[in-house]
Protein backbone atom coordinates (compact mmCIF):
# COMPACT_ATOMS: atom_id res chain seq x y z
CA MET A 1 14.49 13.51 -22.94
CA THR A 2 14.62 10.17 -24.71
CA PHE A 3 13.68 7.30 -22.44
CA THR A 4 15.92 4.25 -22.39
CA GLU A 5 14.10 1.30 -20.85
CA PRO A 6 16.06 -0.26 -17.97
CA ASP A 7 17.24 -3.80 -18.64
CA ILE A 8 18.01 -6.66 -16.28
CA GLN A 9 21.61 -5.43 -15.88
CA ASP A 10 20.27 -2.08 -14.65
CA LEU A 11 18.12 -3.87 -12.07
CA GLU A 12 21.01 -6.04 -10.94
CA ALA A 13 23.27 -2.98 -10.66
CA ALA A 14 20.58 -1.21 -8.63
CA LEU A 15 20.31 -4.19 -6.29
CA ALA A 16 24.06 -4.08 -5.65
CA ARG A 17 24.00 -0.28 -5.30
CA ILE A 18 21.28 -0.16 -2.63
CA ARG A 19 22.52 -3.11 -0.59
CA GLY A 20 22.89 -1.85 2.96
CA LEU A 21 20.56 1.08 2.32
CA VAL A 22 17.37 -0.99 2.17
CA ASP A 23 16.25 -4.28 3.67
CA ALA A 24 16.05 -7.59 1.83
CA THR A 25 12.47 -8.16 2.96
CA PRO A 26 11.06 -11.60 3.78
CA VAL A 27 8.47 -13.60 1.87
CA ARG A 28 5.54 -14.79 3.97
CA ARG A 29 2.58 -17.03 3.35
CA SER A 30 -0.43 -18.26 5.30
CA ASP A 31 -2.47 -21.45 4.95
CA ALA A 32 -5.56 -19.50 6.00
CA LEU A 33 -4.97 -16.81 3.38
CA ASP A 34 -4.37 -19.45 0.71
CA ALA A 35 -7.63 -21.17 1.63
CA ALA A 36 -9.56 -17.90 1.50
CA LEU A 37 -8.19 -16.97 -1.93
CA GLY A 38 -7.99 -20.41 -3.55
CA CYS A 39 -4.33 -20.12 -4.52
CA ARG A 40 -0.85 -20.19 -2.98
CA VAL A 41 0.06 -16.61 -2.12
CA LEU A 42 3.68 -15.63 -1.49
CA MET A 43 3.87 -12.12 -0.09
CA LYS A 44 7.02 -10.05 -0.61
CA CYS A 45 6.78 -7.86 2.47
CA GLU A 46 7.90 -4.39 1.40
CA ASN A 47 5.77 -3.05 4.25
CA LEU A 48 8.74 -4.00 6.43
CA GLN A 49 11.15 -1.56 4.75
CA PRO A 50 12.62 1.23 6.95
CA THR A 51 10.07 3.74 5.63
CA GLY A 52 7.27 1.16 5.52
CA ALA A 53 7.13 0.87 1.72
CA PHE A 54 8.99 -0.31 -1.40
CA LYS A 55 9.64 3.28 -2.49
CA VAL A 56 12.90 3.33 -0.55
CA ARG A 57 14.40 1.09 -3.25
CA GLY A 58 13.92 3.48 -6.15
CA ALA A 59 14.73 6.59 -4.15
CA SER A 60 17.96 5.08 -2.81
CA ASN A 61 19.03 3.99 -6.28
CA ALA A 62 18.28 7.40 -7.79
CA VAL A 63 20.18 9.30 -5.10
CA ALA A 64 23.14 6.93 -5.36
CA ARG A 65 23.19 7.48 -9.12
CA LEU A 66 23.33 11.26 -8.55
CA ARG A 67 26.31 10.74 -6.26
CA GLU A 68 28.04 8.64 -8.93
CA ALA A 69 27.44 11.45 -11.43
CA GLY A 70 28.96 14.05 -9.10
CA ASP A 71 25.68 15.82 -8.28
CA GLY A 72 25.63 16.58 -4.57
CA GLY A 73 22.78 19.11 -4.46
CA ASP A 74 19.42 18.97 -2.76
CA VAL A 75 16.59 17.11 -4.48
CA ALA A 76 12.88 17.56 -5.07
CA THR A 77 9.86 15.46 -5.92
CA HIS A 78 6.09 15.26 -5.61
CA SER A 79 4.45 12.46 -3.67
CA SER A 80 1.32 11.31 -1.86
CA GLY A 81 3.66 10.15 0.88
CA ASN A 82 5.68 6.97 0.51
CA HIS A 83 8.08 8.20 -2.17
CA GLY A 84 8.47 11.46 -0.29
CA ALA A 85 9.54 9.71 2.90
CA ALA A 86 11.79 7.37 0.95
CA LEU A 87 13.51 10.22 -0.88
CA ALA A 88 13.86 12.22 2.34
CA ARG A 89 15.60 9.25 3.93
CA ALA A 90 17.85 8.55 0.95
CA ALA A 91 18.78 12.23 0.74
CA ARG A 92 19.49 12.47 4.47
CA LEU A 93 21.74 9.42 4.40
CA ASP A 94 23.61 10.96 1.47
CA GLY A 95 24.13 14.32 3.17
CA ARG A 96 21.52 16.31 1.27
CA ARG A 97 17.90 17.36 1.75
CA ALA A 98 14.68 16.51 -0.08
CA HIS A 99 11.84 18.95 -0.77
CA VAL A 100 8.53 17.13 -1.30
CA VAL A 101 5.41 18.59 -2.89
CA MET A 102 2.46 16.88 -1.19
CA PRO A 103 -1.32 17.25 -1.73
CA SER A 104 -3.37 18.70 1.10
CA ASN A 105 -5.38 15.47 1.35
CA ALA A 106 -2.32 13.29 1.93
CA VAL A 107 -2.47 10.91 4.90
CA ALA A 108 -1.30 12.80 7.97
CA ALA A 109 1.02 9.98 9.03
CA LYS A 110 2.74 10.12 5.63
CA ILE A 111 3.29 13.87 5.91
CA ALA A 112 4.77 13.30 9.36
CA ALA A 113 7.02 10.55 7.98
CA VAL A 114 8.52 12.90 5.38
CA LYS A 115 9.28 15.46 8.08
CA ALA A 116 10.68 12.81 10.42
CA GLU A 117 13.18 11.82 7.72
CA GLY A 118 14.34 15.43 7.39
CA GLY A 119 12.31 16.31 4.32
CA VAL A 120 10.74 19.71 3.63
CA VAL A 121 7.02 19.40 2.86
CA VAL A 122 5.66 21.80 0.25
CA PRO A 123 1.82 21.62 0.30
CA CYS A 124 -0.30 21.83 -2.84
CA GLU A 125 -3.87 21.27 -3.91
CA PRO A 126 -4.92 17.67 -4.66
CA GLY A 127 -4.47 16.47 -8.22
CA GLN A 128 -1.71 15.58 -10.64
CA ALA A 129 -1.37 19.04 -12.20
CA PRO A 130 -0.79 20.94 -8.92
CA ARG A 131 1.77 18.34 -7.85
CA GLU A 132 3.71 18.63 -11.09
CA ALA A 133 3.48 22.43 -11.04
CA GLY A 134 4.87 22.51 -7.51
CA LEU A 135 7.77 20.30 -8.52
CA ALA A 136 8.50 22.49 -11.56
CA THR A 137 8.77 25.51 -9.25
CA LEU A 138 11.33 23.73 -7.07
CA VAL A 139 13.34 22.62 -10.09
CA ALA A 140 13.33 26.20 -11.41
CA ALA A 141 14.81 27.22 -8.04
CA GLY A 142 17.78 24.92 -8.65
CA LEU A 143 16.82 21.62 -7.01
CA THR A 144 17.46 18.31 -8.78
CA PRO A 145 14.21 16.46 -9.60
CA ILE A 146 13.74 12.82 -8.69
CA PRO A 147 10.27 11.90 -9.97
CA PRO A 148 8.23 9.39 -7.95
CA TYR A 149 7.95 6.85 -10.77
CA ASP A 150 8.64 8.16 -14.30
CA HIS A 151 12.41 7.70 -14.39
CA PRO A 152 14.68 4.76 -15.34
CA ASP A 153 16.61 4.84 -12.04
CA ILE A 154 13.35 4.69 -10.10
CA ILE A 155 12.03 1.82 -12.24
CA ALA A 156 15.29 -0.11 -11.85
CA GLY A 157 15.29 0.39 -8.09
CA GLN A 158 11.68 -0.69 -7.67
CA GLY A 159 12.34 -3.80 -9.78
CA THR A 160 14.81 -5.06 -7.20
CA ALA A 161 11.90 -6.22 -5.03
CA ALA A 162 10.89 -8.71 -7.72
CA LEU A 163 14.51 -9.79 -8.25
CA GLU A 164 14.70 -10.68 -4.57
CA LEU A 165 11.31 -12.40 -4.71
CA PHE A 166 12.37 -14.69 -7.56
CA ASP A 167 15.62 -15.54 -5.77
CA GLN A 168 13.68 -16.36 -2.62
CA VAL A 169 10.86 -18.50 -4.03
CA GLY A 170 11.93 -19.70 -7.48
CA GLU A 171 9.18 -20.41 -10.01
CA LEU A 172 5.83 -18.62 -9.87
CA ASP A 173 2.79 -18.93 -12.10
CA VAL A 174 1.91 -15.25 -11.60
CA VAL A 175 3.48 -12.17 -10.08
CA ILE A 176 1.15 -9.28 -9.25
CA ALA A 177 1.95 -5.74 -8.16
CA PRO A 178 -0.16 -2.64 -7.53
CA VAL A 179 0.00 0.14 -10.11
CA GLY A 180 -0.41 3.88 -9.67
CA GLY A 181 2.37 5.80 -11.43
CA GLY A 182 3.75 2.48 -12.58
CA GLY A 183 7.34 2.33 -11.32
CA LEU A 184 6.86 -0.83 -9.28
CA LEU A 185 4.89 -2.70 -11.94
CA ALA A 186 7.32 -1.68 -14.69
CA GLY A 187 10.31 -2.84 -12.65
CA THR A 188 8.53 -6.05 -11.69
CA ALA A 189 7.77 -6.78 -15.35
CA ILE A 190 11.38 -6.27 -16.41
CA ALA A 191 12.55 -8.62 -13.66
CA ALA A 192 9.98 -11.27 -14.55
CA ARG A 193 10.55 -11.21 -18.30
CA ASN A 194 14.28 -11.75 -17.80
CA ARG A 195 14.43 -13.99 -14.70
CA ARG A 196 11.16 -15.94 -15.06
CA PRO A 197 9.84 -15.52 -18.63
CA GLY A 198 7.11 -18.11 -18.02
CA THR A 199 5.60 -16.12 -15.17
CA ARG A 200 2.54 -14.02 -16.03
CA VAL A 201 2.75 -10.40 -14.89
CA ILE A 202 -0.44 -8.69 -13.73
CA GLY A 203 -1.01 -5.16 -12.51
CA ALA A 204 -3.58 -4.51 -9.78
CA GLU A 205 -5.42 -1.20 -9.81
CA PRO A 206 -8.29 0.41 -7.88
CA ALA A 207 -11.50 0.72 -9.89
CA GLY A 208 -11.62 4.37 -8.82
CA ALA A 209 -8.20 5.10 -10.32
CA ALA A 210 -8.16 2.75 -13.29
CA ASP A 211 -6.28 4.93 -15.78
CA THR A 212 -3.68 2.23 -16.40
CA ARG A 213 -6.39 -0.30 -17.19
CA ALA A 214 -7.96 2.18 -19.60
CA SER A 215 -4.58 2.93 -21.18
CA PHE A 216 -3.71 -0.76 -21.45
CA THR A 217 -7.05 -1.62 -23.05
CA ALA A 218 -6.83 1.25 -25.56
CA ASP A 219 -3.11 0.70 -26.19
CA ASP A 220 -2.74 4.44 -25.72
CA ARG A 221 -1.82 6.25 -22.50
CA VAL A 222 -4.58 8.15 -20.71
CA ASN A 223 -2.97 11.38 -19.48
CA THR A 224 -5.73 12.73 -17.24
CA TRP A 225 -7.88 11.07 -14.59
CA SER A 226 -9.90 12.10 -11.55
CA PRO A 227 -9.10 9.38 -9.01
CA ASP A 228 -11.55 8.43 -6.29
CA THR A 229 -10.21 5.59 -4.18
CA VAL A 230 -9.21 4.71 -0.64
CA ALA A 231 -5.85 3.53 -2.05
CA ASP A 232 -4.15 6.91 -1.68
CA GLY A 233 -0.79 5.69 -2.98
CA LEU A 234 -2.31 4.73 -6.36
CA ARG A 235 -4.02 7.98 -7.28
CA ALA A 236 -1.29 9.09 -9.70
CA VAL A 237 -1.73 8.89 -13.48
CA ILE A 238 0.46 6.24 -15.13
CA GLY A 239 3.84 7.65 -16.16
CA VAL A 240 4.79 8.00 -19.82
CA SER A 241 7.89 5.78 -19.70
CA ASN A 242 6.27 3.43 -17.21
CA PHE A 243 3.37 2.80 -19.57
CA GLN A 244 5.83 2.05 -22.36
CA VAL A 245 7.37 -0.73 -20.26
CA ILE A 246 4.00 -1.99 -19.02
CA ARG A 247 2.43 -2.08 -22.48
CA ASN A 248 5.32 -4.23 -23.75
CA ASN A 249 5.81 -6.53 -20.77
CA VAL A 250 2.63 -6.90 -18.69
CA ASP A 251 -0.02 -9.53 -19.44
CA ASP A 252 -3.04 -7.78 -17.95
CA ILE A 253 -4.29 -5.04 -15.63
CA LEU A 254 -7.14 -6.08 -13.33
CA VAL A 255 -9.16 -3.88 -10.98
CA ALA A 256 -10.95 -4.14 -7.65
CA ASP A 257 -13.32 -1.69 -5.97
CA ASP A 258 -12.79 0.02 -2.63
CA ASP A 259 -15.01 -2.39 -0.70
CA ALA A 260 -12.86 -5.28 -1.92
CA ILE A 261 -9.67 -3.37 -1.08
CA VAL A 262 -10.72 -2.72 2.52
CA ALA A 263 -11.90 -6.34 2.84
CA ALA A 264 -8.47 -7.46 1.59
CA MET A 265 -6.72 -5.34 4.24
CA ARG A 266 -8.84 -7.05 6.87
CA LEU A 267 -8.28 -10.51 5.40
CA VAL A 268 -4.50 -10.09 5.47
CA PHE A 269 -4.68 -8.73 9.02
CA GLU A 270 -6.83 -11.59 10.26
CA THR A 271 -4.87 -14.39 8.53
CA THR A 272 -1.29 -13.15 8.87
CA GLY A 273 -1.30 -10.41 11.51
CA MET A 274 0.18 -7.93 9.01
CA ARG A 275 -1.14 -4.39 8.87
CA ILE A 276 -0.92 -3.25 5.27
CA GLU A 277 -2.07 -0.03 3.64
CA PRO A 278 -4.91 0.12 1.09
CA SER A 279 -2.58 0.36 -1.90
CA ALA A 280 -0.77 -2.80 -0.79
CA ALA A 281 -4.09 -4.62 -0.41
CA VAL A 282 -5.14 -4.01 -4.02
CA PRO A 283 -3.39 -7.15 -5.39
CA ILE A 284 -5.12 -9.28 -2.73
CA ALA A 285 -8.42 -7.60 -3.60
CA VAL A 286 -7.84 -8.34 -7.29
CA ILE A 287 -7.19 -12.02 -6.53
CA ALA A 288 -10.42 -12.17 -4.52
CA THR A 289 -12.36 -10.32 -7.23
CA HIS A 290 -11.05 -12.50 -10.09
CA PRO A 291 -10.63 -15.95 -8.48
CA GLU A 292 -10.77 -17.83 -11.78
CA THR A 293 -7.59 -16.09 -12.95
CA PHE A 294 -5.54 -17.30 -9.98
CA ALA A 295 -7.17 -20.58 -8.90
CA ASN A 296 -4.71 -23.24 -7.69
CA GLN A 297 -1.67 -21.24 -8.83
CA SER A 298 1.47 -19.96 -7.11
CA VAL A 299 1.08 -16.19 -6.96
CA GLY A 300 3.82 -13.78 -5.92
CA VAL A 301 2.42 -10.55 -4.47
CA ILE A 302 4.49 -7.42 -3.97
CA VAL A 303 3.06 -6.09 -0.69
CA SER A 304 3.93 -2.48 -1.40
CA GLY A 305 3.57 -0.80 1.99
CA GLY A 306 2.17 -0.63 5.49
CA ASN A 307 1.53 3.09 6.05
CA PHE A 308 -2.15 3.67 6.77
CA ASP A 309 -4.36 6.21 8.51
CA PRO A 310 -5.42 4.60 11.82
CA GLY A 311 -8.40 6.93 11.94
CA LEU A 312 -9.81 5.26 8.82
CA PHE A 313 -8.96 1.70 9.85
CA PRO A 314 -9.16 1.56 13.68
CA TRP A 315 -9.49 -2.22 13.70
CA LEU A 316 -5.87 -2.47 12.55
CA ASP A 317 -4.87 -1.30 16.02
CA GLU A 318 -6.63 -4.26 17.61
CA PRO A 319 -4.90 -7.58 18.45
CA SER A 320 -4.77 -9.73 15.33
CA PRO A 321 -6.66 -13.07 15.44
CA ALA A 322 -3.65 -14.55 13.59
CA THR A 323 -1.29 -13.77 16.46
CA THR A 324 -3.47 -14.27 19.53
């Protein structure tokens, strides 16, 4: 299928379409966080969405588009968790059901979230190929696929977070978003290039899953990768159409290692009281890892989600120094 890159009108239509289905999340900042990072950080808090992550934007837009097209059937996807829960919710609210192929090493809380939203979890082995094979089986059985990131309706929906951010804060020197499959970063880039063309767009990626960085550097998409990172939501290989948008509209992809990612989770917790997941902490980790790139600038950060495994990060269940 030929890919038509979403434009700003598609993002604006998506924003109108999902109004009432998702939250217009707040932007927060902290003097202590700014001091620690050496720049002014404005956090778009997608961790406060109903499913705890930005994915509800793209899923809601995609399901609404199916309804507009007269397709009322059940849907299917593959997901490490956040997209699965988002699609399950969007499907449930639209009177249908979502079937979600999930790897066996997915965070238990994310599996539970899909089920809580009425989704059917279809387990598979870890890795991109088993996930895609599982989805293909469901599609062959008659379900309508809604990919987690490689689709124009998903990209347009995810880009609405950046549209809101620019309306809330005005000018920014930089906007930074995490990148796994690339839907959020692609949508963010489209929003920035049209609403704030002077704003630099940077993708933040774990060093252990840096396929987008490798693709961006080579100007040619890497189609296989063996991810090894605590940021479970960013283990997917960059999507074909997503990379097309990113290659044309993003200024740079920067990486941070897992130690920096966990330190960033703790820094945000201690300075703001917010409990964010590893994937959401990657942009903060990138800022800390590359301070010269962001020094003394206004930096918009898409805080992608707040769904974490409390067994891995028990200190997030403690009282926050920022709120005590």
